[in-house]
Structures are given as structure tokens and as C-alpha cells.
Amino acid sequence: MSTTAETGHVTGTADKDYNIIWFVENCLSNALRLESYVQDAERAEDAELAGFFRRAQQESQKGAEQGKQLLAHRITS
């Protein structure tokens, strides 16, 4: 890795903190996207696929929640 990589000097947010923020945002975005996939599967009366997408959505929600907790802990410490 290059020593000239952005480490928070430009953004004001250290990479490790930015990475948590990015992860949470992407988990939440994924959960929203998966809702439309669930609805598509339900309209097609494909319960197996709807269940698959629901489980994936729950994992994305779980990841977002864990990331938010981690970020909150680091901000308040």
C-alpha cells in the first residue's frame, strides 16, 4: 500500500472510521434493495426465493446494526 493513500487528511475521517460508515450505509442500502426482490418473488408466488431474500435482508440489517453499534462505541470512547 502506498504511503500517499488517503488516511483522513483530505476527508477529515480516518479510513478505519470511514470504512465502518461505508459498511453501514451499504448494508442499509442492500436491505432496501432486497425488499424489492422479496416483493418480486412474492408477486411471482415463489415462497422459496422470497424466503431467501428475506434471510439475506435480515443479515444486511444485522450487519448495519452491528456497524452502528461499533461506530457509536468508537465515537463515544
PDB file of N, CA and C in Angstrom:
ATOM      1  N   MET A   1       0.836  -1.181   0.000  1.00  0.00           N
ATOM      2  CA  MET A   1       0.000   0.000   0.000  1.00  0.00           C
ATOM      3  C   MET A   1       0.881   1.244   0.000  1.00  0.00           C
ATOM      4  N   SER A   2       0.498   2.220  -0.715  1.00  0.00           N
ATOM      5  CA  SER A   2       1.256   3.453  -0.848  1.00  0.00           C
ATOM      6  C   SER A   2       1.140   4.307   0.415  1.00  0.00           C
ATOM      7  N   THR A   3       2.193   5.007   0.735  1.00  0.00           N
ATOM      8  CA  THR A   3       2.163   5.900   1.889  1.00  0.00           C
ATOM      9  C   THR A   3       1.404   7.187   1.586  1.00  0.00           C
ATOM     10  N   THR A   4       1.033   7.389   0.325  1.00  0.00           N
ATOM     11  CA  THR A   4       0.288   8.586  -0.040  1.00  0.00           C
ATOM     12  C   THR A   4      -1.217   8.333  -0.052  1.00  0.00           C
ATOM     13  N   ALA A   5      -1.634   7.149   0.392  1.00  0.00           N
ATOM     14  CA  ALA A   5      -3.066   6.836   0.420  1.00  0.00           C
ATOM     15  C   ALA A   5      -3.782   7.755   1.401  1.00  0.00           C
ATOM     16  N   GLU A   6      -4.991   8.065   1.101  1.00  0.00           N
ATOM     17  CA  GLU A   6      -5.817   8.900   1.967  1.00  0.00           C
ATOM     18  C   GLU A   6      -6.019   8.200   3.310  1.00  0.00           C
ATOM     19  N   THR A   7      -5.692   8.869   4.395  1.00  0.00           N
ATOM     20  CA  THR A   7      -5.890   8.305   5.734  1.00  0.00           C
ATOM     21  C   THR A   7      -6.664   9.268   6.615  1.00  0.00           C
ATOM     22  N   GLY A   8      -7.445  10.111   5.983  1.00  0.00           N
ATOM     23  CA  GLY A   8      -8.253  11.064   6.722  1.00  0.00           C
ATOM     24  C   GLY A   8      -7.784  12.498   6.610  1.00  0.00           C
ATOM     25  N   HIS A   9      -6.635  12.715   5.962  1.00  0.00           N
ATOM     26  CA  HIS A   9      -6.125  14.074   5.834  1.00  0.00           C
ATOM     27  C   HIS A   9      -7.011  14.922   4.923  1.00  0.00           C
ATOM     28  N   VAL A  10      -7.563  14.332   3.914  1.00  0.00           N
ATOM     29  CA  VAL A  10      -8.404  15.073   2.970  1.00  0.00           C
ATOM     30  C   VAL A  10      -9.852  15.110   3.457  1.00  0.00           C
ATOM     31  N   THR A  11     -10.374  13.948   3.886  1.00  0.00           N
ATOM     32  CA  THR A  11     -11.787  13.863   4.280  1.00  0.00           C
ATOM     33  C   THR A  11     -12.049  14.299   5.708  1.00  0.00           C
ATOM     34  N   GLY A  12     -11.023  14.247   6.549  1.00  0.00           N
ATOM     35  CA  GLY A  12     -11.226  14.547   7.957  1.00  0.00           C
ATOM     36  C   GLY A  12     -11.748  13.356   8.743  1.00  0.00           C
ATOM     37  N   THR A  13     -11.858  12.216   8.086  1.00  0.00           N
ATOM     38  CA  THR A  13     -12.330  10.983   8.725  1.00  0.00           C
ATOM     39  C   THR A  13     -11.322   9.889   8.436  1.00  0.00           C
ATOM     40  N   ALA A  14     -10.799   9.298   9.489  1.00  0.00           N
ATOM     41  CA  ALA A  14      -9.813   8.233   9.321  1.00  0.00           C
ATOM     42  C   ALA A  14     -10.410   7.087   8.513  1.00  0.00           C
ATOM     43  N   ASP A  15      -9.572   6.428   7.714  1.00  0.00           N
ATOM     44  CA  ASP A  15     -10.041   5.329   6.870  1.00  0.00           C
ATOM     45  C   ASP A  15     -10.828   4.297   7.654  1.00  0.00           C
ATOM     46  N   LYS A  16     -10.326   3.894   8.812  1.00  0.00           N
ATOM     47  CA  LYS A  16     -10.998   2.848   9.574  1.00  0.00           C
ATOM     48  C   LYS A  16     -12.399   3.283   9.995  1.00  0.00           C
ATOM     49  N   ASP A  17     -12.596   4.547  10.337  1.00  0.00           N
ATOM     50  CA  ASP A  17     -13.925   5.042  10.691  1.00  0.00           C
ATOM     51  C   ASP A  17     -14.796   5.174   9.445  1.00  0.00           C
ATOM     52  N   TYR A  18     -14.204   5.704   8.393  1.00  0.00           N
ATOM     53  CA  TYR A  18     -14.935   5.820   7.123  1.00  0.00           C
ATOM     54  C   TYR A  18     -15.398   4.450   6.661  1.00  0.00           C
ATOM     55  N   ASN A  19     -14.556   3.439   6.831  1.00  0.00           N
ATOM     56  CA  ASN A  19     -14.905   2.084   6.398  1.00  0.00           C
ATOM     57  C   ASN A  19     -16.128   1.565   7.135  1.00  0.00           C
ATOM     58  N   ILE A  20     -16.231   1.868   8.426  1.00  0.00           N
ATOM     59  CA  ILE A  20     -17.419   1.450   9.186  1.00  0.00           C
ATOM     60  C   ILE A  20     -18.653   2.172   8.654  1.00  0.00           C
ATOM     61  N   ILE A  21     -18.515   3.472   8.424  1.00  0.00           N
ATOM     62  CA  ILE A  21     -19.635   4.259   7.900  1.00  0.00           C
ATOM     63  C   ILE A  21     -20.068   3.711   6.543  1.00  0.00           C
ATOM     64  N   TRP A  22     -19.091   3.435   5.684  1.00  0.00           N
ATOM     65  CA  TRP A  22     -19.392   2.886   4.359  1.00  0.00           C
ATOM     66  C   TRP A  22     -20.115   1.546   4.488  1.00  0.00           C
ATOM     67  N   PHE A  23     -19.634   0.686   5.375  1.00  0.00           N
ATOM     68  CA  PHE A  23     -20.224  -0.625   5.573  1.00  0.00           C
ATOM     69  C   PHE A  23     -21.687  -0.507   6.010  1.00  0.00           C
ATOM     70  N   VAL A  24     -21.952   0.364   6.979  1.00  0.00           N
ATOM     71  CA  VAL A  24     -23.323   0.546   7.465  1.00  0.00           C
ATOM     72  C   VAL A  24     -24.221   1.039   6.337  1.00  0.00           C
ATOM     73  N   GLU A  25     -23.754   2.039   5.607  1.00  0.00           N
ATOM     74  CA  GLU A  25     -24.567   2.584   4.512  1.00  0.00           C
ATOM     75  C   GLU A  25     -24.877   1.512   3.478  1.00  0.00           C
ATOM     76  N   ASN A  26     -23.909   0.696   3.144  1.00  0.00           N
ATOM     77  CA  ASN A  26     -24.128  -0.341   2.147  1.00  0.00           C
ATOM     78  C   ASN A  26     -25.035  -1.458   2.657  1.00  0.00           C
ATOM     79  N   CYS A  27     -24.924  -1.797   3.924  1.00  0.00           N
ATOM     80  CA  CYS A  27     -25.844  -2.786   4.500  1.00  0.00           C
ATOM     81  C   CYS A  27     -27.280  -2.277   4.441  1.00  0.00           C
ATOM     82  N   LEU A  28     -27.479  -1.005   4.816  1.00  0.00           N
ATOM     83  CA  LEU A  28     -28.828  -0.433   4.793  1.00  0.00           C
ATOM     84  C   LEU A  28     -29.358  -0.341   3.365  1.00  0.00           C
ATOM     85  N   SER A  29     -28.500   0.065   2.441  1.00  0.00           N
ATOM     86  CA  SER A  29     -28.895   0.141   1.034  1.00  0.00           C
ATOM     87  C   SER A  29     -29.283  -1.243   0.507  1.00  0.00           C
ATOM     88  N   ASN A  30     -28.498  -2.236   0.884  1.00  0.00           N
ATOM     89  CA  ASN A  30     -28.782  -3.603   0.462  1.00  0.00           C
ATOM     90  C   ASN A  30     -30.118  -4.082   1.031  1.00  0.00           C
ATOM     91  N   ALA A  31     -30.393  -3.763   2.294  1.00  0.00           N
ATOM     92  CA  ALA A  31     -31.665  -4.160   2.912  1.00  0.00           C
ATOM     93  C   ALA A  31     -32.842  -3.552   2.150  1.00  0.00           C
ATOM     94  N   LEU A  32     -32.699  -2.304   1.745  1.00  0.00           N
ATOM     95  CA  LEU A  32     -33.760  -1.659   0.963  1.00  0.00           C
ATOM     96  C   LEU A  32     -33.936  -2.330  -0.400  1.00  0.00           C
ATOM     97  N   ARG A  33     -32.847  -2.595  -1.061  1.00  0.00           N
ATOM     98  CA  ARG A  33     -32.895  -3.233  -2.384  1.00  0.00           C
ATOM     99  C   ARG A  33     -33.535  -4.618  -2.282  1.00  0.00           C
ATOM    100  N   LEU A  34     -33.153  -5.348  -1.253  1.00  0.00           N
ATOM    101  CA  LEU A  34     -33.682  -6.699  -1.089  1.00  0.00           C
ATOM    102  C   LEU A  34     -35.187  -6.707  -0.855  1.00  0.00           C
ATOM    103  N   GLU A  35     -35.720  -5.638  -0.301  1.00  0.00           N
ATOM    104  CA  GLU A  35     -37.174  -5.564  -0.113  1.00  0.00           C
ATOM    105  C   GLU A  35     -37.897  -5.654  -1.458  1.00  0.00           C
ATOM    106  N   SER A  36     -37.352  -4.991  -2.468  1.00  0.00           N
ATOM    107  CA  SER A  36     -37.999  -5.071  -3.789  1.00  0.00           C
ATOM    108  C   SER A  36     -37.843  -6.470  -4.375  1.00  0.00           C
ATOM    109  N   TYR A  37     -36.738  -7.147  -4.083  1.00  0.00           N
ATOM    110  CA  TYR A  37     -36.550  -8.516  -4.551  1.00  0.00           C
ATOM    111  C   TYR A  37     -37.542  -9.453  -3.878  1.00  0.00           C
ATOM    112  N   VAL A  38     -37.773  -9.232  -2.593  1.00  0.00           N
ATOM    113  CA  VAL A  38     -38.770 -10.034  -1.861  1.00  0.00           C
ATOM    114  C   VAL A  38     -40.136  -9.838  -2.498  1.00  0.00           C
ATOM    115  N   GLN A  39     -40.490  -8.599  -2.751  1.00  0.00           N
ATOM    116  CA  GLN A  39     -41.796  -8.308  -3.341  1.00  0.00           C
ATOM    117  C   GLN A  39     -41.937  -8.931  -4.725  1.00  0.00           C
ATOM    118  N   ASP A  40     -40.872  -8.878  -5.526  1.00  0.00           N
ATOM    119  CA  ASP A  40     -40.893  -9.520  -6.839  1.00  0.00           C
ATOM    120  C   ASP A  40     -41.150 -11.013  -6.704  1.00  0.00           C
ATOM    121  N   ALA A  41     -40.452 -11.652  -5.777  1.00  0.00           N
ATOM    122  CA  ALA A  41     -40.612 -13.095  -5.576  1.00  0.00           C
ATOM    123  C   ALA A  41     -42.014 -13.418  -5.079  1.00  0.00           C
ATOM    124  N   GLU A  42     -42.535 -12.587  -4.185  1.00  0.00           N
ATOM    125  CA  GLU A  42     -43.897 -12.811  -3.676  1.00  0.00           C
ATOM    126  C   GLU A  42     -44.931 -12.647  -4.780  1.00  0.00           C
ATOM    127  N   ARG A  43     -44.744 -11.653  -5.650  1.00  0.00           N
ATOM    128  CA  ARG A  43     -45.674 -11.479  -6.776  1.00  0.00           C
ATOM    129  C   ARG A  43     -45.645 -12.689  -7.701  1.00  0.00           C
ATOM    130  N   ALA A  44     -44.482 -13.309  -7.814  1.00  0.00           N
ATOM    131  CA  ALA A  44     -44.327 -14.497  -8.656  1.00  0.00           C
ATOM    132  C   ALA A  44     -44.722 -15.769  -7.901  1.00  0.00           C
ATOM    133  N   GLU A  45     -45.178 -15.582  -6.663  1.00  0.00           N
ATOM    134  CA  GLU A  45     -45.596 -16.701  -5.807  1.00  0.00           C
ATOM    135  C   GLU A  45     -44.475 -17.725  -5.623  1.00  0.00           C
ATOM    136  N   ASP A  46     -43.265 -17.206  -5.469  1.00  0.00           N
ATOM    137  CA  ASP A  46     -42.095 -18.050  -5.246  1.00  0.00           C
ATOM    138  C   ASP A  46     -41.652 -17.873  -3.789  1.00  0.00           C
ATOM    139  N   ALA A  47     -42.253 -18.651  -2.908  1.00  0.00           N
ATOM    140  CA  ALA A  47     -42.004 -18.528  -1.471  1.00  0.00           C
ATOM    141  C   ALA A  47     -40.553 -18.855  -1.116  1.00  0.00           C
ATOM    142  N   GLU A  48     -39.977 -19.814  -1.829  1.00  0.00           N
ATOM    143  CA  GLU A  48     -38.589 -20.188  -1.545  1.00  0.00           C
ATOM    144  C   GLU A  48     -37.650 -19.008  -1.794  1.00  0.00           C
ATOM    145  N   LEU A  49     -37.828 -18.352  -2.932  1.00  0.00           N
ATOM    146  CA  LEU A  49     -36.986 -17.215  -3.275  1.00  0.00           C
ATOM    147  C   LEU A  49     -37.257 -16.033  -2.346  1.00  0.00           C
ATOM    148  N   ALA A  50     -38.510 -15.794  -2.033  1.00  0.00           N
ATOM    149  CA  ALA A  50     -38.855 -14.707  -1.112  1.00  0.00           C
ATOM    150  C   ALA A  50     -38.194 -14.944   0.247  1.00  0.00           C
ATOM    151  N   GLY A  51     -38.221 -16.178   0.721  1.00  0.00           N
ATOM    152  CA  GLY A  51     -37.585 -16.514   1.987  1.00  0.00           C
ATOM    153  C   GLY A  51     -36.080 -16.306   1.941  1.00  0.00           C
ATOM    154  N   PHE A  52     -35.487 -16.690   0.825  1.00  0.00           N
ATOM    155  CA  PHE A  52     -34.048 -16.500   0.638  1.00  0.00           C
ATOM    156  C   PHE A  52     -33.685 -15.015   0.734  1.00  0.00           C
ATOM    157  N   PHE A  53     -34.448 -14.174   0.019  1.00  0.00           N
ATOM    158  CA  PHE A  53     -34.164 -12.744   0.047  1.00  0.00           C
ATOM    159  C   PHE A  53     -34.459 -12.137   1.416  1.00  0.00           C
ATOM    160  N   ARG A  54     -35.476 -12.614   2.104  1.00  0.00           N
ATOM    161  CA  ARG A  54     -35.778 -12.140   3.469  1.00  0.00           C
ATOM    162  C   ARG A  54     -34.618 -12.457   4.408  1.00  0.00           C
ATOM    163  N   ARG A  55     -34.088 -13.657   4.314  1.00  0.00           N
ATOM    164  CA  ARG A  55     -32.945 -14.029   5.169  1.00  0.00           C
ATOM    165  C   ARG A  55     -31.735 -13.150   4.859  1.00  0.00           C
ATOM    166  N   ALA A  56     -31.498 -12.919   3.587  1.00  0.00           N
ATOM    167  CA  ALA A  56     -30.392 -12.049   3.197  1.00  0.00           C
ATOM    168  C   ALA A  56     -30.624 -10.631   3.722  1.00  0.00           C
ATOM    169  N   GLN A  57     -31.854 -10.174   3.647  1.00  0.00           N
ATOM    170  CA  GLN A  57     -32.204  -8.849   4.141  1.00  0.00           C
ATOM    171  C   GLN A  57     -31.960  -8.755   5.653  1.00  0.00           C
ATOM    172  N   GLN A  58     -32.334  -9.782   6.371  1.00  0.00           N
ATOM    173  CA  GLN A  58     -32.110  -9.796   7.820  1.00  0.00           C
ATOM    174  C   GLN A  58     -30.620  -9.742   8.155  1.00  0.00           C
ATOM    175  N   GLU A  59     -29.814 -10.426   7.366  1.00  0.00           N
ATOM    176  CA  GLU A  59     -28.360 -10.382   7.587  1.00  0.00           C
ATOM    177  C   GLU A  59     -27.806  -8.988   7.309  1.00  0.00           C
ATOM    178  N   SER A  60     -28.339  -8.325   6.284  1.00  0.00           N
ATOM    179  CA  SER A  60     -27.907  -6.952   5.991  1.00  0.00           C
ATOM    180  C   SER A  60     -28.324  -6.022   7.122  1.00  0.00           C
ATOM    181  N   GLN A  61     -29.533  -6.200   7.634  1.00  0.00           N
ATOM    182  CA  GLN A  61     -29.989  -5.383   8.756  1.00  0.00           C
ATOM    183  C   GLN A  61     -29.124  -5.628   9.989  1.00  0.00           C
ATOM    184  N   LYS A  62     -28.782  -6.885  10.220  1.00  0.00           N
ATOM    185  CA  LYS A  62     -27.932  -7.246  11.355  1.00  0.00           C
ATOM    186  C   LYS A  62     -26.548  -6.611  11.207  1.00  0.00           C
ATOM    187  N   GLY A  63     -25.975  -6.678  10.015  1.00  0.00           N
ATOM    188  CA  GLY A  63     -24.674  -6.064   9.776  1.00  0.00           C
ATOM    189  C   GLY A  63     -24.715  -4.559  10.004  1.00  0.00           C
ATOM    190  N   ALA A  64     -25.786  -3.910   9.536  1.00  0.00           N
ATOM    191  CA  ALA A  64     -25.920  -2.468   9.733  1.00  0.00           C
ATOM    192  C   ALA A  64     -26.006  -2.141  11.215  1.00  0.00           C
ATOM    193  N   GLU A  65     -26.781  -2.908  11.947  1.00  0.00           N
ATOM    194  CA  GLU A  65     -26.943  -2.658  13.377  1.00  0.00           C
ATOM    195  C   GLU A  65     -25.616  -2.852  14.120  1.00  0.00           C
ATOM    196  N   GLN A  66     -24.904  -3.897  13.782  1.00  0.00           N
ATOM    197  CA  GLN A  66     -23.610  -4.138  14.422  1.00  0.00           C
ATOM    198  C   GLN A  66     -22.623  -3.016  14.091  1.00  0.00           C
ATOM    199  N   GLY A  67     -22.633  -2.578  12.849  1.00  0.00           N
ATOM    200  CA  GLY A  67     -21.762  -1.481  12.443  1.00  0.00           C
ATOM    201  C   GLY A  67     -22.112  -0.188  13.153  1.00  0.00           C
ATOM    202  N   LYS A  68     -23.398   0.094  13.305  1.00  0.00           N
ATOM    203  CA  LYS A  68     -23.823   1.306  14.015  1.00  0.00           C
ATOM    204  C   LYS A  68     -23.386   1.259  15.469  1.00  0.00           C
ATOM    205  N   GLN A  69     -23.531   0.095  16.087  1.00  0.00           N
ATOM    206  CA  GLN A  69     -23.111  -0.043  17.489  1.00  0.00           C
ATOM    207  C   GLN A  69     -21.605   0.150  17.630  1.00  0.00           C
ATOM    208  N   LEU A  70     -20.856  -0.451  16.734  1.00  0.00           N
ATOM    209  CA  LEU A  70     -19.401  -0.315  16.768  1.00  0.00           C
ATOM    210  C   LEU A  70     -18.992   1.144  16.574  1.00  0.00           C
ATOM    211  N   LEU A  71     -19.604   1.800  15.611  1.00  0.00           N
ATOM    212  CA  LEU A  71     -19.287   3.201  15.344  1.00  0.00           C
ATOM    213  C   LEU A  71     -19.655   4.069  16.548  1.00  0.00           C
ATOM    214  N   ALA A  72     -20.831   3.841  17.130  1.00  0.00           N
ATOM    215  CA  ALA A  72     -21.251   4.617  18.294  1.00  0.00           C
ATOM    216  C   ALA A  72     -20.277   4.442  19.449  1.00  0.00           C
ATOM    217  N   HIS A  73     -19.851   3.209  19.670  1.00  0.00           N
ATOM    218  CA  HIS A  73     -18.902   2.934  20.743  1.00  0.00           C
ATOM    219  C   HIS A  73     -17.587   3.673  20.504  1.00  0.00           C
ATOM    220  N   ARG A  74     -17.121   3.672  19.267  1.00  0.00           N
ATOM    221  CA  ARG A  74     -15.849   4.313  18.960  1.00  0.00           C
ATOM    222  C   ARG A  74     -15.952   5.836  19.035  1.00  0.00           C
ATOM    223  N   ILE A  75     -17.100   6.375  18.694  1.00  0.00           N
ATOM    224  CA  ILE A  75     -17.272   7.826  18.727  1.00  0.00           C
ATOM    225  C   ILE A  75     -17.330   8.320  20.171  1.00  0.00           C
ATOM    226  N   THR A  76     -17.976   7.541  21.040  1.00  0.00           N
ATOM    227  CA  THR A  76     -18.136   7.974  22.434  1.00  0.00           C
ATOM    228  C   THR A  76     -16.943   7.623  23.304  1.00  0.00           C
ATOM    229  N   SER A  77     -16.001   6.832  22.776  1.00  0.00           N
ATOM    230  CA  SER A  77     -14.831   6.440  23.580  1.00  0.00           C
ATOM    231  C   SER A  77     -13.724   7.459  23.524  1.00  0.00           C
TER     232      SER A  77
END
